[in-house]
Amino acid sequence: MFEWQNFQEGQYAIAIEPSTNHVLGKPFAKQRDELIWLEHGEQRSYATPVSGSSNNDEIAAAEARIAAICPVKVDDYPTITDRWND
């Protein structure tokens, strides 16, 4: 899935969209031997339960559960620049 955000004044939005491959695209997924190719008529379905909390202990526990099954590889993502017009 891709998660995107728009925090421009008056246009605040956040979305989660389905994706077949990594946010860095097909060449990156192919290089890592993770490329998924669906043939015409093929489909995949995933269920993603979503919930929220404002309790710091619950948030920390959720982060720990996620990190245990899917560690973040910081090198897989572009560096944050805070330059919105590039």
Protein backbone atom coordinates (compact mmCIF):
# COMPACT_ATOMS: atom_id res chain seq x y z
CA MET A 1 0.00 0.00 0.00
CA PHE A 2 1.01 3.59 -0.53
CA GLU A 3 0.27 6.23 2.05
CA TRP A 4 0.26 9.81 0.85
CA GLN A 5 -0.36 13.14 2.52
CA ASN A 6 -1.24 16.64 1.41
CA PHE A 7 -0.82 19.20 4.17
CA GLN A 8 -1.19 22.35 2.08
CA GLU A 9 -3.37 24.90 3.82
CA GLY A 10 -7.02 24.28 2.99
CA GLN A 11 -6.26 20.96 1.25
CA TYR A 12 -5.42 18.65 4.14
CA ALA A 13 -5.69 15.00 3.11
CA ILE A 14 -4.22 11.62 3.88
CA ALA A 15 -4.87 8.42 1.96
CA ILE A 16 -3.89 4.78 1.82
CA GLU A 17 -3.99 3.27 -1.66
CA PRO A 18 -3.43 -0.30 -2.86
CA SER A 19 -0.22 -1.10 -4.67
CA THR A 20 1.30 -4.15 -6.26
CA ASN A 21 4.92 -3.20 -5.56
CA HIS A 22 7.23 -1.06 -3.45
CA VAL A 23 6.81 2.72 -3.35
CA LEU A 24 10.11 3.09 -5.28
CA GLY A 25 8.63 1.28 -8.28
CA LYS A 26 9.02 -1.84 -10.38
CA PRO A 27 12.79 -1.60 -11.05
CA PHE A 28 13.46 -1.43 -7.30
CA ALA A 29 11.16 -4.39 -6.58
CA LYS A 30 12.74 -6.39 -9.43
CA GLN A 31 16.25 -5.69 -8.14
CA ARG A 32 15.21 -7.07 -4.75
CA ASP A 33 13.44 -10.07 -6.33
CA GLU A 34 10.09 -8.83 -4.96
CA LEU A 35 8.37 -7.93 -8.24
CA ILE A 36 4.74 -9.03 -8.37
CA TRP A 37 3.10 -9.29 -11.78
CA LEU A 38 -0.61 -9.95 -12.05
CA GLU A 39 -1.82 -11.36 -15.35
CA HIS A 40 -5.03 -10.17 -16.99
CA GLY A 41 -7.95 -11.22 -14.82
CA GLU A 42 -5.77 -12.15 -11.84
CA GLN A 43 -6.39 -10.51 -8.53
CA ARG A 44 -5.17 -10.50 -4.95
CA SER A 45 -7.15 -9.51 -1.91
CA TYR A 46 -5.85 -8.34 1.42
CA ALA A 47 -7.67 -7.30 4.57
CA THR A 48 -6.18 -4.47 6.58
CA PRO A 49 -7.88 -3.74 9.88
CA VAL A 50 -7.43 -0.13 10.97
CA SER A 51 -7.91 1.32 14.42
CA GLY A 52 -6.56 4.23 16.39
CA SER A 53 -5.52 5.21 19.88
CA SER A 54 -4.32 8.27 21.75
CA ASN A 55 -2.91 6.17 24.61
CA ASN A 56 0.92 6.34 24.52
CA ASP A 57 1.36 2.85 26.00
CA GLU A 58 -0.99 1.32 23.41
CA ILE A 59 0.81 3.17 20.61
CA ALA A 60 4.23 1.97 21.83
CA ALA A 61 2.93 -1.62 22.08
CA ALA A 62 1.55 -1.44 18.52
CA GLU A 63 4.85 -0.05 17.21
CA ALA A 64 6.72 -2.91 18.90
CA ARG A 65 4.38 -5.53 17.37
CA ILE A 66 4.83 -4.02 13.91
CA ALA A 67 8.62 -3.76 14.25
CA ALA A 68 8.77 -7.42 15.33
CA ILE A 69 7.15 -8.67 12.12
CA CYS A 70 8.29 -5.99 9.66
CA PRO A 71 11.44 -4.08 10.58
CA VAL A 72 11.81 -0.76 8.79
CA LYS A 73 14.75 -0.61 6.40
CA VAL A 74 15.52 3.10 6.44
CA ASP A 75 17.70 2.81 3.31
CA ASP A 76 14.62 1.70 1.31
CA TYR A 77 13.07 5.16 1.42
CA PRO A 78 14.15 8.54 0.07
CA THR A 79 15.61 11.07 2.48
CA ILE A 80 13.06 13.56 3.80
CA THR A 81 14.01 17.00 2.52
CA ASP A 82 11.13 19.31 3.56
CA ARG A 83 11.34 20.78 0.06
CA TRP A 84 7.78 20.55 -1.26
CA ASN A 85 8.40 22.07 -4.68
CA ASP A 86 11.20 19.76 -5.92
